[in-house]
PDB file of N, CA and C in Angstrom:
ATOM      1  N   UNK A   1       0.843  -1.175   0.000  1.00  0.00           N
ATOM      2  CA  UNK A   1       0.000   0.000   0.000  1.00  0.00           C
ATOM      3  C   UNK A   1       0.890   1.241   0.000  1.00  0.00           C
ATOM      4  N   UNK A   2       0.597   2.171  -0.882  1.00  0.00           N
ATOM      5  CA  UNK A   2       1.383   3.398  -0.995  1.00  0.00           C
ATOM      6  C   UNK A   2       1.075   4.332   0.175  1.00  0.00           C
ATOM      7  N   UNK A   3       2.088   5.077   0.564  1.00  0.00           N
ATOM      8  CA  UNK A   3       1.915   6.058   1.637  1.00  0.00           C
ATOM      9  C   UNK A   3       1.009   7.186   1.142  1.00  0.00           C
ATOM     10  N   UNK A   4       0.140   7.702   2.005  1.00  0.00           N
ATOM     11  CA  UNK A   4      -0.738   8.802   1.590  1.00  0.00           C
ATOM     12  C   UNK A   4       0.071  10.043   1.211  1.00  0.00           C
ATOM     13  N   UNK A   5      -0.369  10.689   0.165  1.00  0.00           N
ATOM     14  CA  UNK A   5       0.303  11.903  -0.298  1.00  0.00           C
ATOM     15  C   UNK A   5      -0.504  13.152   0.013  1.00  0.00           C
ATOM     16  N   UNK A   6      -1.771  12.989   0.340  1.00  0.00           N
ATOM     17  CA  UNK A   6      -2.633  14.129   0.667  1.00  0.00           C
ATOM     18  C   UNK A   6      -3.673  13.662   1.679  1.00  0.00           C
ATOM     19  N   UNK A   7      -4.355  14.603   2.284  1.00  0.00           N
ATOM     20  CA  UNK A   7      -5.378  14.200   3.258  1.00  0.00           C
ATOM     21  C   UNK A   7      -6.487  13.400   2.599  1.00  0.00           C
ATOM     22  N   UNK A   8      -6.714  13.636   1.311  1.00  0.00           N
ATOM     23  CA  UNK A   8      -7.746  12.874   0.603  1.00  0.00           C
ATOM     24  C   UNK A   8      -7.403  11.390   0.489  1.00  0.00           C
ATOM     25  N   UNK A   9      -6.135  11.053   0.661  1.00  0.00           N
ATOM     26  CA  UNK A   9      -5.702   9.655   0.617  1.00  0.00           C
ATOM     27  C   UNK A   9      -5.887   8.941   1.951  1.00  0.00           C
ATOM     28  N   UNK A  10      -6.120   9.679   3.015  1.00  0.00           N
ATOM     29  CA  UNK A  10      -6.229   9.089   4.352  1.00  0.00           C
ATOM     30  C   UNK A  10      -7.560   8.369   4.525  1.00  0.00           C
ATOM     31  N   UNK A  11      -7.505   7.136   5.026  1.00  0.00           N
ATOM     32  CA  UNK A  11      -8.744   6.414   5.328  1.00  0.00           C
ATOM     33  C   UNK A  11      -9.591   7.185   6.333  1.00  0.00           C
ATOM     34  N   UNK A  12      -8.942   7.816   7.296  1.00  0.00           N
ATOM     35  CA  UNK A  12      -9.685   8.585   8.311  1.00  0.00           C
ATOM     36  C   UNK A  12     -10.508   9.682   7.652  1.00  0.00           C
ATOM     37  N   UNK A  13      -9.930  10.389   6.703  1.00  0.00           N
ATOM     38  CA  UNK A  13     -10.655  11.476   6.037  1.00  0.00           C
ATOM     39  C   UNK A  13     -11.780  10.920   5.159  1.00  0.00           C
ATOM     40  N   UNK A  14     -11.510   9.814   4.476  1.00  0.00           N
ATOM     41  CA  UNK A  14     -12.536   9.204   3.619  1.00  0.00           C
ATOM     42  C   UNK A  14     -13.747   8.757   4.440  1.00  0.00           C
ATOM     43  N   UNK A  15     -13.492   8.127   5.590  1.00  0.00           N
ATOM     44  CA  UNK A  15     -14.591   7.664   6.440  1.00  0.00           C
ATOM     45  C   UNK A  15     -15.306   8.865   7.064  1.00  0.00           C
ATOM     46  N   UNK A  16     -14.553   9.902   7.412  1.00  0.00           N
ATOM     47  CA  UNK A  16     -15.171  11.123   7.944  1.00  0.00           C
ATOM     48  C   UNK A  16     -16.066  11.778   6.891  1.00  0.00           C
ATOM     49  N   UNK A  17     -15.652  11.711   5.646  1.00  0.00           N
ATOM     50  CA  UNK A  17     -16.480  12.243   4.560  1.00  0.00           C
ATOM     51  C   UNK A  17     -17.787  11.463   4.441  1.00  0.00           C
ATOM     52  N   UNK A  18     -17.699  10.129   4.545  1.00  0.00           N
ATOM     53  CA  UNK A  18     -18.912   9.299   4.527  1.00  0.00           C
ATOM     54  C   UNK A  18     -19.818   9.641   5.712  1.00  0.00           C
ATOM     55  N   UNK A  19     -19.219   9.834   6.883  1.00  0.00           N
ATOM     56  CA  UNK A  19     -19.987  10.211   8.069  1.00  0.00           C
ATOM     57  C   UNK A  19     -20.702  11.538   7.837  1.00  0.00           C
ATOM     58  N   UNK A  20     -19.992  12.502   7.291  1.00  0.00           N
ATOM     59  CA  UNK A  20     -20.582  13.819   7.023  1.00  0.00           C
ATOM     60  C   UNK A  20     -21.741  13.699   6.042  1.00  0.00           C
ATOM     61  N   UNK A  21     -21.569  12.911   4.995  1.00  0.00           N
ATOM     62  CA  UNK A  21     -22.650  12.728   4.022  1.00  0.00           C
ATOM     63  C   UNK A  21     -23.862  12.055   4.652  1.00  0.00           C
ATOM     64  N   UNK A  22     -23.632  11.097   5.542  1.00  0.00           N
ATOM     65  CA  UNK A  22     -24.740  10.429   6.237  1.00  0.00           C
ATOM     66  C   UNK A  22     -25.481  11.441   7.122  1.00  0.00           C
ATOM     67  N   UNK A  23     -24.727  12.259   7.842  1.00  0.00           N
ATOM     68  CA  UNK A  23     -25.341  13.278   8.700  1.00  0.00           C
ATOM     69  C   UNK A  23     -26.180  14.237   7.851  1.00  0.00           C
ATOM     70  N   UNK A  24     -25.640  14.699   6.751  1.00  0.00           N
ATOM     71  CA  UNK A  24     -26.392  15.611   5.880  1.00  0.00           C
ATOM     72  C   UNK A  24     -27.654  14.937   5.334  1.00  0.00           C
ATOM     73  N   UNK A  25     -27.559  13.662   4.997  1.00  0.00           N
ATOM     74  CA  UNK A  25     -28.750  12.936   4.531  1.00  0.00           C
ATOM     75  C   UNK A  25     -29.828  12.921   5.605  1.00  0.00           C
ATOM     76  N   UNK A  26     -29.436  12.616   6.838  1.00  0.00           N
ATOM     77  CA  UNK A  26     -30.409  12.609   7.942  1.00  0.00           C
ATOM     78  C   UNK A  26     -31.010  14.003   8.140  1.00  0.00           C
ATOM     79  N   UNK A  27     -30.175  15.014   8.050  1.00  0.00           N
ATOM     80  CA  UNK A  27     -30.630  16.382   8.323  1.00  0.00           C
ATOM     81  C   UNK A  27     -31.566  16.933   7.251  1.00  0.00           C
ATOM     82  N   UNK A  28     -31.595  16.313   6.089  1.00  0.00           N
ATOM     83  CA  UNK A  28     -32.514  16.750   5.025  1.00  0.00           C
ATOM     84  C   UNK A  28     -33.915  16.171   5.197  1.00  0.00           C
ATOM     85  N   UNK A  29     -34.051  15.175   6.058  1.00  0.00           N
ATOM     86  CA  UNK A  29     -35.335  14.481   6.203  1.00  0.00           C
ATOM     87  C   UNK A  29     -36.237  15.172   7.222  1.00  0.00           C
ATOM     88  N   UNK A  30     -37.533  14.993   6.997  1.00  0.00           N
ATOM     89  CA  UNK A  30     -38.546  15.447   7.956  1.00  0.00           C
ATOM     90  C   UNK A  30     -38.574  14.481   9.124  1.00  0.00           C
ATOM     91  N   UNK A  31     -38.836  14.882  10.301  1.00  0.00           N
ATOM     92  CA  UNK A  31     -39.009  16.251  10.777  1.00  0.00           C
ATOM     93  C   UNK A  31     -37.703  16.903  11.222  1.00  0.00           C
ATOM     94  N   UNK A  32     -36.575  16.165  11.156  1.00  0.00           N
ATOM     95  CA  UNK A  32     -35.311  16.714  11.636  1.00  0.00           C
ATOM     96  C   UNK A  32     -34.937  18.005  10.930  1.00  0.00           C
ATOM     97  N   UNK A  33     -35.240  18.112   9.653  1.00  0.00           N
ATOM     98  CA  UNK A  33     -34.846  19.298   8.889  1.00  0.00           C
ATOM     99  C   UNK A  33     -35.451  20.583   9.450  1.00  0.00           C
ATOM    100  N   UNK A  34     -36.510  20.440  10.257  1.00  0.00           N
ATOM    101  CA  UNK A  34     -37.138  21.632  10.849  1.00  0.00           C
ATOM    102  C   UNK A  34     -36.522  22.021  12.188  1.00  0.00           C
ATOM    103  N   UNK A  35     -35.661  21.173  12.737  1.00  0.00           N
ATOM    104  CA  UNK A  35     -34.967  21.502  13.985  1.00  0.00           C
ATOM    105  C   UNK A  35     -33.633  22.148  13.616  1.00  0.00           C
ATOM    106  N   UNK A  36     -33.694  23.454  13.381  1.00  0.00           N
ATOM    107  CA  UNK A  36     -32.551  24.170  12.821  1.00  0.00           C
ATOM    108  C   UNK A  36     -31.335  24.160  13.744  1.00  0.00           C
ATOM    109  N   UNK A  37     -31.552  24.269  15.033  1.00  0.00           N
ATOM    110  CA  UNK A  37     -30.436  24.261  15.977  1.00  0.00           C
ATOM    111  C   UNK A  37     -29.707  22.935  15.984  1.00  0.00           C
ATOM    112  N   UNK A  38     -30.465  21.856  16.069  1.00  0.00           N
ATOM    113  CA  UNK A  38     -29.860  20.527  16.111  1.00  0.00           C
ATOM    114  C   UNK A  38     -29.170  20.198  14.795  1.00  0.00           C
ATOM    115  N   UNK A  39     -29.828  20.481  13.679  1.00  0.00           N
ATOM    116  CA  UNK A  39     -29.203  20.163  12.390  1.00  0.00           C
ATOM    117  C   UNK A  39     -27.941  20.989  12.175  1.00  0.00           C
ATOM    118  N   UNK A  40     -27.960  22.241  12.589  1.00  0.00           N
ATOM    119  CA  UNK A  40     -26.771  23.079  12.441  1.00  0.00           C
ATOM    120  C   UNK A  40     -25.615  22.516  13.267  1.00  0.00           C
ATOM    121  N   UNK A  41     -25.884  22.171  14.527  1.00  0.00           N
ATOM    122  CA  UNK A  41     -24.836  21.637  15.396  1.00  0.00           C
ATOM    123  C   UNK A  41     -24.318  20.295  14.885  1.00  0.00           C
ATOM    124  N   UNK A  42     -25.219  19.459  14.446  1.00  0.00           N
ATOM    125  CA  UNK A  42     -24.848  18.140  13.941  1.00  0.00           C
ATOM    126  C   UNK A  42     -23.988  18.255  12.684  1.00  0.00           C
ATOM    127  N   UNK A  43     -24.405  19.106  11.770  1.00  0.00           N
ATOM    128  CA  UNK A  43     -23.628  19.298  10.540  1.00  0.00           C
ATOM    129  C   UNK A  43     -22.250  19.874  10.851  1.00  0.00           C
ATOM    130  N   UNK A  44     -22.212  20.857  11.724  1.00  0.00           N
ATOM    131  CA  UNK A  44     -20.928  21.487  12.067  1.00  0.00           C
ATOM    132  C   UNK A  44     -19.973  20.471  12.687  1.00  0.00           C
ATOM    133  N   UNK A  45     -20.484  19.625  13.576  1.00  0.00           N
ATOM    134  CA  UNK A  45     -19.629  18.627  14.220  1.00  0.00           C
ATOM    135  C   UNK A  45     -19.090  17.638  13.190  1.00  0.00           C
ATOM    136  N   UNK A  46     -19.949  17.176  12.286  1.00  0.00           N
ATOM    137  CA  UNK A  46     -19.510  16.216  11.272  1.00  0.00           C
ATOM    138  C   UNK A  46     -18.472  16.843  10.340  1.00  0.00           C
ATOM    139  N   UNK A  47     -18.728  18.057   9.899  1.00  0.00           N
ATOM    140  CA  UNK A  47     -17.777  18.741   9.013  1.00  0.00           C
ATOM    141  C   UNK A  47     -16.464  19.002   9.755  1.00  0.00           C
ATOM    142  N   UNK A  48     -16.558  19.272  11.044  1.00  0.00           N
ATOM    143  CA  UNK A  48     -15.364  19.497  11.856  1.00  0.00           C
ATOM    144  C   UNK A  48     -14.440  18.282  11.850  1.00  0.00           C
ATOM    145  N   UNK A  49     -15.017  17.100  11.837  1.00  0.00           N
ATOM    146  CA  UNK A  49     -14.186  15.890  11.796  1.00  0.00           C
ATOM    147  C   UNK A  49     -13.343  15.905  10.524  1.00  0.00           C
ATOM    148  N   UNK A  50     -13.999  16.079   9.393  1.00  0.00           N
ATOM    149  CA  UNK A  50     -13.296  16.103   8.101  1.00  0.00           C
ATOM    150  C   UNK A  50     -12.252  17.201   8.048  1.00  0.00           C
ATOM    151  N   UNK A  51     -12.678  18.414   8.413  1.00  0.00           N
ATOM    152  CA  UNK A  51     -11.790  19.569   8.275  1.00  0.00           C
ATOM    153  C   UNK A  51     -10.589  19.498   9.203  1.00  0.00           C
ATOM    154  N   UNK A  52     -10.782  18.982  10.407  1.00  0.00           N
ATOM    155  CA  UNK A  52      -9.649  18.899  11.324  1.00  0.00           C
ATOM    156  C   UNK A  52      -8.665  17.814  10.927  1.00  0.00           C
ATOM    157  N   UNK A  53      -9.137  16.758  10.300  1.00  0.00           N
ATOM    158  CA  UNK A  53      -8.209  15.764   9.750  1.00  0.00           C
ATOM    159  C   UNK A  53      -7.373  16.421   8.647  1.00  0.00           C
ATOM    160  N   UNK A  54      -8.028  17.161   7.771  1.00  0.00           N
ATOM    161  CA  UNK A  54      -7.311  17.849   6.694  1.00  0.00           C
ATOM    162  C   UNK A  54      -6.334  18.875   7.263  1.00  0.00           C
ATOM    163  N   UNK A  55      -6.795  19.637   8.242  1.00  0.00           N
ATOM    164  CA  UNK A  55      -5.935  20.657   8.841  1.00  0.00           C
ATOM    165  C   UNK A  55      -4.717  20.019   9.517  1.00  0.00           C
ATOM    166  N   UNK A  56      -4.947  18.930  10.227  1.00  0.00           N
ATOM    167  CA  UNK A  56      -3.829  18.240  10.869  1.00  0.00           C
ATOM    168  C   UNK A  56      -2.826  17.729   9.854  1.00  0.00           C
ATOM    169  N   UNK A  57      -3.327  17.142   8.791  1.00  0.00           N
ATOM    170  CA  UNK A  57      -2.440  16.620   7.751  1.00  0.00           C
ATOM    171  C   UNK A  57      -1.582  17.732   7.159  1.00  0.00           C
ATOM    172  N   UNK A  58      -2.191  18.883   6.924  1.00  0.00           N
ATOM    173  CA  UNK A  58      -1.495  19.989   6.268  1.00  0.00           C
ATOM    174  C   UNK A  58      -0.543  20.736   7.211  1.00  0.00           C
ATOM    175  N   UNK A  59      -0.679  20.534   8.510  1.00  0.00           N
ATOM    176  CA  UNK A  59       0.203  21.198   9.470  1.00  0.00           C
ATOM    177  C   UNK A  59       1.603  20.615   9.399  1.00  0.00           C
ATOM    178  N   UNK A  60       2.576  21.465   9.557  1.00  0.00           N
ATOM    179  CA  UNK A  60       3.962  21.026   9.592  1.00  0.00           C
ATOM    180  C   UNK A  60       4.369  20.710  11.034  1.00  0.00           C
ATOM    181  N   UNK A  61       3.881  21.484  11.961  1.00  0.00           N
ATOM    182  CA  UNK A  61       4.221  21.342  13.374  1.00  0.00           C
ATOM    183  C   UNK A  61       3.494  20.152  13.989  1.00  0.00           C
ATOM    184  N   UNK A  62       4.230  19.275  14.663  1.00  0.00           N
ATOM    185  CA  UNK A  62       3.649  18.065  15.260  1.00  0.00           C
ATOM    186  C   UNK A  62       2.587  18.422  16.304  1.00  0.00           C
ATOM    187  N   UNK A  63       2.849  19.441  17.100  1.00  0.00           N
ATOM    188  CA  UNK A  63       1.877  19.853  18.113  1.00  0.00           C
ATOM    189  C   UNK A  63       0.570  20.307  17.498  1.00  0.00           C
ATOM    190  N   UNK A  64       0.649  21.044  16.397  1.00  0.00           N
ATOM    191  CA  UNK A  64      -0.559  21.485  15.695  1.00  0.00           C
ATOM    192  C   UNK A  64      -1.297  20.300  15.082  1.00  0.00           C
ATOM    193  N   UNK A  65      -0.536  19.358  14.539  1.00  0.00           N
ATOM    194  CA  UNK A  65      -1.155  18.147  13.990  1.00  0.00           C
ATOM    195  C   UNK A  65      -1.937  17.426  15.078  1.00  0.00           C
ATOM    196  N   UNK A  66      -1.278  17.203  16.214  1.00  0.00           N
ATOM    197  CA  UNK A  66      -1.903  16.484  17.332  1.00  0.00           C
ATOM    198  C   UNK A  66      -3.168  17.218  17.800  1.00  0.00           C
ATOM    199  N   UNK A  67      -3.090  18.525  17.872  1.00  0.00           N
ATOM    200  CA  UNK A  67      -4.240  19.313  18.314  1.00  0.00           C
ATOM    201  C   UNK A  67      -5.407  19.186  17.325  1.00  0.00           C
ATOM    202  N   UNK A  68      -5.138  19.294  16.035  1.00  0.00           N
ATOM    203  CA  UNK A  68      -6.198  19.190  15.030  1.00  0.00           C
ATOM    204  C   UNK A  68      -6.811  17.794  15.036  1.00  0.00           C
ATOM    205  N   UNK A  69      -5.979  16.762  15.131  1.00  0.00           N
ATOM    206  CA  UNK A  69      -6.502  15.401  15.183  1.00  0.00           C
ATOM    207  C   UNK A  69      -7.318  15.182  16.453  1.00  0.00           C
ATOM    208  N   UNK A  70      -6.893  15.819  17.551  1.00  0.00           N
ATOM    209  CA  UNK A  70      -7.664  15.741  18.796  1.00  0.00           C
ATOM    210  C   UNK A  70      -9.035  16.375  18.641  1.00  0.00           C
ATOM    211  N   UNK A  71      -9.091  17.521  17.955  1.00  0.00           N
ATOM    212  CA  UNK A  71     -10.393  18.161  17.697  1.00  0.00           C
ATOM    213  C   UNK A  71     -11.274  17.244  16.849  1.00  0.00           C
ATOM    214  N   UNK A  72     -10.673  16.609  15.852  1.00  0.00           N
ATOM    215  CA  UNK A  72     -11.439  15.691  14.997  1.00  0.00           C
ATOM    216  C   UNK A  72     -12.019  14.550  15.828  1.00  0.00           C
ATOM    217  N   UNK A  73     -11.203  14.007  16.710  1.00  0.00           N
ATOM    218  CA  UNK A  73     -11.650  12.891  17.564  1.00  0.00           C
ATOM    219  C   UNK A  73     -12.790  13.327  18.473  1.00  0.00           C
ATOM    220  N   UNK A  74     -12.655  14.506  19.062  1.00  0.00           N
ATOM    221  CA  UNK A  74     -13.716  15.009  19.949  1.00  0.00           C
ATOM    222  C   UNK A  74     -14.993  15.304  19.167  1.00  0.00           C
ATOM    223  N   UNK A  75     -14.857  15.767  17.945  1.00  0.00           N
ATOM    224  CA  UNK A  75     -16.049  16.016  17.129  1.00  0.00           C
ATOM    225  C   UNK A  75     -16.772  14.716  16.791  1.00  0.00           C
ATOM    226  N   UNK A  76     -16.023  13.616  16.631  1.00  0.00           N
ATOM    227  CA  UNK A  76     -16.655  12.302  16.456  1.00  0.00           C
ATOM    228  C   UNK A  76     -17.523  11.988  17.662  1.00  0.00           C
ATOM    229  N   UNK A  77     -16.999  12.270  18.837  1.00  0.00           N
ATOM    230  CA  UNK A  77     -17.759  12.048  20.062  1.00  0.00           C
ATOM    231  C   UNK A  77     -18.999  12.911  20.127  1.00  0.00           C
ATOM    232  N   UNK A  78     -18.891  14.123  19.633  1.00  0.00           N
ATOM    233  CA  UNK A  78     -20.042  15.026  19.613  1.00  0.00           C
ATOM    234  C   UNK A  78     -21.150  14.480  18.706  1.00  0.00           C
ATOM    235  N   UNK A  79     -20.779  13.996  17.539  1.00  0.00           N
ATOM    236  CA  UNK A  79     -21.771  13.406  16.629  1.00  0.00           C
ATOM    237  C   UNK A  79     -22.381  12.160  17.274  1.00  0.00           C
ATOM    238  N   UNK A  80     -21.537  11.338  17.902  1.00  0.00           N
ATOM    239  CA  UNK A  80     -22.048  10.146  18.593  1.00  0.00           C
ATOM    240  C   UNK A  80     -23.064  10.530  19.656  1.00  0.00           C
ATOM    241  N   UNK A  81     -22.738  11.517  20.455  1.00  0.00           N
ATOM    242  CA  UNK A  81     -23.649  11.954  21.513  1.00  0.00           C
ATOM    243  C   UNK A  81     -24.973  12.455  20.934  1.00  0.00           C
ATOM    244  N   UNK A  82     -24.883  13.241  19.874  1.00  0.00           N
ATOM    245  CA  UNK A  82     -26.105  13.769  19.265  1.00  0.00           C
ATOM    246  C   UNK A  82     -26.936  12.681  18.609  1.00  0.00           C
ATOM    247  N   UNK A  83     -26.304  11.561  18.254  1.00  0.00           N
ATOM    248  CA  UNK A  83     -27.082  10.463  17.672  1.00  0.00           C
ATOM    249  C   UNK A  83     -28.129   9.959  18.667  1.00  0.00           C
ATOM    250  N   UNK A  84     -27.846  10.076  19.956  1.00  0.00           N
ATOM    251  CA  UNK A  84     -28.821   9.674  20.971  1.00  0.00           C
ATOM    252  C   UNK A  84     -29.989  10.659  21.032  1.00  0.00           C
ATOM    253  N   UNK A  85     -29.707  11.933  20.797  1.00  0.00           N
ATOM    254  CA  UNK A  85     -30.784  12.931  20.714  1.00  0.00           C
ATOM    255  C   UNK A  85     -31.668  12.599  19.517  1.00  0.00           C
ATOM    256  N   UNK A  86     -31.043  12.255  18.400  1.00  0.00           N
ATOM    257  CA  UNK A  86     -31.808  11.891  17.196  1.00  0.00           C
ATOM    258  C   UNK A  86     -32.683  10.673  17.461  1.00  0.00           C
ATOM    259  N   UNK A  87     -32.102   9.672  18.119  1.00  0.00           N
ATOM    260  CA  UNK A  87     -32.854   8.455  18.418  1.00  0.00           C
ATOM    261  C   UNK A  87     -33.987   8.737  19.412  1.00  0.00           C
ATOM    262  N   UNK A  88     -33.664   9.407  20.504  1.00  0.00           N
ATOM    263  CA  UNK A  88     -34.645   9.652  21.562  1.00  0.00           C
ATOM    264  C   UNK A  88     -35.823  10.504  21.104  1.00  0.00           C
ATOM    265  N   UNK A  89     -35.585  11.324  20.073  1.00  0.00           N
ATOM    266  CA  UNK A  89     -36.650  12.179  19.559  1.00  0.00           C
ATOM    267  C   UNK A  89     -37.244  11.645  18.262  1.00  0.00           C
ATOM    268  N   UNK A  90     -36.946  10.392  17.972  1.00  0.00           N
ATOM    269  CA  UNK A  90     -37.533   9.675  16.835  1.00  0.00           C
ATOM    270  C   UNK A  90     -37.228  10.314  15.483  1.00  0.00           C
ATOM    271  N   UNK A  91     -36.038  10.943  15.391  1.00  0.00           N
ATOM    272  CA  UNK A  91     -35.597  11.479  14.108  1.00  0.00           C
ATOM    273  C   UNK A  91     -34.940  10.398  13.258  1.00  0.00           C
ATOM    274  N   UNK A  92     -34.392   9.363  13.917  1.00  0.00           N
ATOM    275  CA  UNK A  92     -33.795   8.234  13.219  1.00  0.00           C
ATOM    276  C   UNK A  92     -34.225   6.945  13.915  1.00  0.00           C
ATOM    277  N   UNK A  93     -34.146   5.860  13.175  1.00  0.00           N
ATOM    278  CA  UNK A  93     -34.504   4.552  13.736  1.00  0.00           C
ATOM    279  C   UNK A  93     -33.317   3.998  14.541  1.00  0.00           C
ATOM    280  N   UNK A  94     -33.578   2.991  15.376  1.00  0.00           N
ATOM    281  CA  UNK A  94     -32.461   2.360  16.092  1.00  0.00           C
ATOM    282  C   UNK A  94     -31.391   1.810  15.140  1.00  0.00           C
ATOM    283  N   UNK A  95     -31.806   1.273  14.021  1.00  0.00           N
ATOM    284  CA  UNK A  95     -30.842   0.740  13.051  1.00  0.00           C
ATOM    285  C   UNK A  95     -29.990   1.862  12.462  1.00  0.00           C
ATOM    286  N   UNK A  96     -30.616   2.995  12.164  1.00  0.00           N
ATOM    287  CA  UNK A  96     -29.872   4.132  11.618  1.00  0.00           C
ATOM    288  C   UNK A  96     -28.895   4.684  12.654  1.00  0.00           C
ATOM    289  N   UNK A  97     -29.316   4.683  13.915  1.00  0.00           N
ATOM    290  CA  UNK A  97     -28.422   5.155  14.954  1.00  0.00           C
ATOM    291  C   UNK A  97     -27.220   4.220  15.091  1.00  0.00           C
ATOM    292  N   UNK A  98     -27.465   2.926  15.031  1.00  0.00           N
ATOM    293  CA  UNK A  98     -26.371   1.962  15.117  1.00  0.00           C
ATOM    294  C   UNK A  98     -25.370   2.201  13.992  1.00  0.00           C
ATOM    295  N   UNK A  99     -25.854   2.439  12.796  1.00  0.00           N
ATOM    296  CA  UNK A  99     -24.976   2.722  11.658  1.00  0.00           C
ATOM    297  C   UNK A  99     -24.179   3.995  11.900  1.00  0.00           C
ATOM    298  N   UNK A 100     -24.857   5.024  12.400  1.00  0.00           N
ATOM    299  CA  UNK A 100     -24.191   6.296  12.683  1.00  0.00           C
ATOM    300  C   UNK A 100     -23.135   6.120  13.777  1.00  0.00           C
ATOM    301  N   UNK A 101     -23.484   5.403  14.831  1.00  0.00           N
ATOM    302  CA  UNK A 101     -22.525   5.134  15.913  1.00  0.00           C
ATOM    303  C   UNK A 101     -21.317   4.375  15.384  1.00  0.00           C
ATOM    304  N   UNK A 102     -21.557   3.351  14.574  1.00  0.00           N
ATOM    305  CA  UNK A 102     -20.467   2.555  14.017  1.00  0.00           C
ATOM    306  C   UNK A 102     -19.526   3.421  13.179  1.00  0.00           C
ATOM    307  N   UNK A 103     -20.097   4.322  12.385  1.00  0.00           N
ATOM    308  CA  UNK A 103     -19.260   5.204  11.568  1.00  0.00           C
ATOM    309  C   UNK A 103     -18.462   6.161  12.437  1.00  0.00           C
ATOM    310  N   UNK A 104     -19.067   6.678  13.491  1.00  0.00           N
ATOM    311  CA  UNK A 104     -18.351   7.572  14.412  1.00  0.00           C
ATOM    312  C   UNK A 104     -17.204   6.835  15.088  1.00  0.00           C
ATOM    313  N   UNK A 105     -17.468   5.631  15.545  1.00  0.00           N
ATOM    314  CA  UNK A 105     -16.441   4.848  16.231  1.00  0.00           C
ATOM    315  C   UNK A 105     -15.312   4.493  15.268  1.00  0.00           C
ATOM    316  N   UNK A 106     -15.664   4.083  14.072  1.00  0.00           N
ATOM    317  CA  UNK A 106     -14.632   3.737  13.076  1.00  0.00           C
ATOM    318  C   UNK A 106     -13.772   4.959  12.748  1.00  0.00           C
ATOM    319  N   UNK A 107     -14.425   6.100  12.547  1.00  0.00           N
ATOM    320  CA  UNK A 107     -13.684   7.323  12.250  1.00  0.00           C
ATOM    321  C   UNK A 107     -12.774   7.686  13.413  1.00  0.00           C
ATOM    322  N   UNK A 108     -13.306   7.622  14.625  1.00  0.00           N
ATOM    323  CA  UNK A 108     -12.514   7.944  15.800  1.00  0.00           C
ATOM    324  C   UNK A 108     -11.293   7.042  15.943  1.00  0.00           C
ATOM    325  N   UNK A 109     -11.460   5.759  15.658  1.00  0.00           N
ATOM    326  CA  UNK A 109     -10.325   4.829  15.736  1.00  0.00           C
ATOM    327  C   UNK A 109      -9.253   5.171  14.698  1.00  0.00           C
ATOM    328  N   UNK A 110      -9.698   5.531  13.502  1.00  0.00           N
ATOM    329  CA  UNK A 110      -8.733   5.910  12.468  1.00  0.00           C
ATOM    330  C   UNK A 110      -7.996   7.191  12.843  1.00  0.00           C
ATOM    331  N   UNK A 111      -8.711   8.138  13.427  1.00  0.00           N
ATOM    332  CA  UNK A 111      -8.066   9.371  13.885  1.00  0.00           C
ATOM    333  C   UNK A 111      -7.093   9.055  15.019  1.00  0.00           C
ATOM    334  N   UNK A 112      -7.476   8.155  15.903  1.00  0.00           N
ATOM    335  CA  UNK A 112      -6.564   7.743  16.979  1.00  0.00           C
ATOM    336  C   UNK A 112      -5.282   7.146  16.396  1.00  0.00           C
ATOM    337  N   UNK A 113      -5.421   6.421  15.299  1.00  0.00           N
ATOM    338  CA  UNK A 113      -4.246   5.889  14.613  1.00  0.00           C
ATOM    339  C   UNK A 113      -3.338   6.991  14.097  1.00  0.00           C
ATOM    340  N   UNK A 114      -3.944   8.069  13.590  1.00  0.00           N
ATOM    341  CA  UNK A 114      -3.133   9.212  13.146  1.00  0.00           C
ATOM    342  C   UNK A 114      -2.386   9.824  14.326  1.00  0.00           C
ATOM    343  N   UNK A 115      -3.070   9.920  15.460  1.00  0.00           N
ATOM    344  CA  UNK A 115      -2.442  10.487  16.664  1.00  0.00           C
ATOM    345  C   UNK A 115      -1.286   9.587  17.119  1.00  0.00           C
ATOM    346  N   UNK A 116      -1.523   8.278  17.142  1.00  0.00           N
ATOM    347  CA  UNK A 116      -0.462   7.340  17.543  1.00  0.00           C
ATOM    348  C   UNK A 116       0.736   7.423  16.597  1.00  0.00           C
ATOM    349  N   UNK A 117       0.474   7.649  15.309  1.00  0.00           N
ATOM    350  CA  UNK A 117       1.585   7.749  14.355  1.00  0.00           C
ATOM    351  C   UNK A 117       2.464   8.956  14.660  1.00  0.00           C
ATOM    352  N   UNK A 118       1.893   9.982  15.278  1.00  0.00           N
ATOM    353  CA  UNK A 118       2.691  11.151  15.658  1.00  0.00           C
ATOM    354  C   UNK A 118       3.608  10.815  16.822  1.00  0.00           C
ATOM    355  N   UNK A 119       3.162   9.942  17.709  1.00  0.00           N
ATOM    356  CA  UNK A 119       3.980   9.547  18.855  1.00  0.00           C
ATOM    357  C   UNK A 119       5.272   8.883  18.403  1.00  0.00           C
ATOM    358  N   UNK A 120       5.221   8.204  17.281  1.00  0.00           N
ATOM    359  CA  UNK A 120       6.408   7.544  16.737  1.00  0.00           C
ATOM    360  C   UNK A 120       7.408   8.546  16.167  1.00  0.00           C
ATOM    361  N   UNK A 121       6.917   9.752  15.889  1.00  0.00           N
ATOM    362  CA  UNK A 121       7.774  10.778  15.292  1.00  0.00           C
ATOM    363  C   UNK A 121       8.440  11.662  16.330  1.00  0.00           C
ATOM    364  N   UNK A 122       7.941  11.620  17.559  1.00  0.00           N
ATOM    365  CA  UNK A 122       8.515  12.475  18.627  1.00  0.00           C
ATOM    366  C   UNK A 122       9.899  12.039  19.026  1.00  0.00           C
TER     367      UNK A 122
END
């Protein structure tokens, strides 16, 4: 397997992109689309995962990389937490929540791998 040359090559970013697209799909549906506060927060958190992975990759400074990847990881947790709000308020089914949780966990693990790879560089 070739080494990634850009953030678009990172599995973490690719999975975060899928997570973001899933979140946007949910947010377009009724009745969730009418809850502007929740949809805004949910979309921002999902996009934050993608953007912070990209920002970390593009950073030259190891500390900045670690910080951006940490933000991405925490944003995964934010989306996971909000998935319970979606479930509890019947915006998504239990099966859809399980899928969303699985994607958040997978993304978070991949981001954790990026963080661990920085430890090898210190």
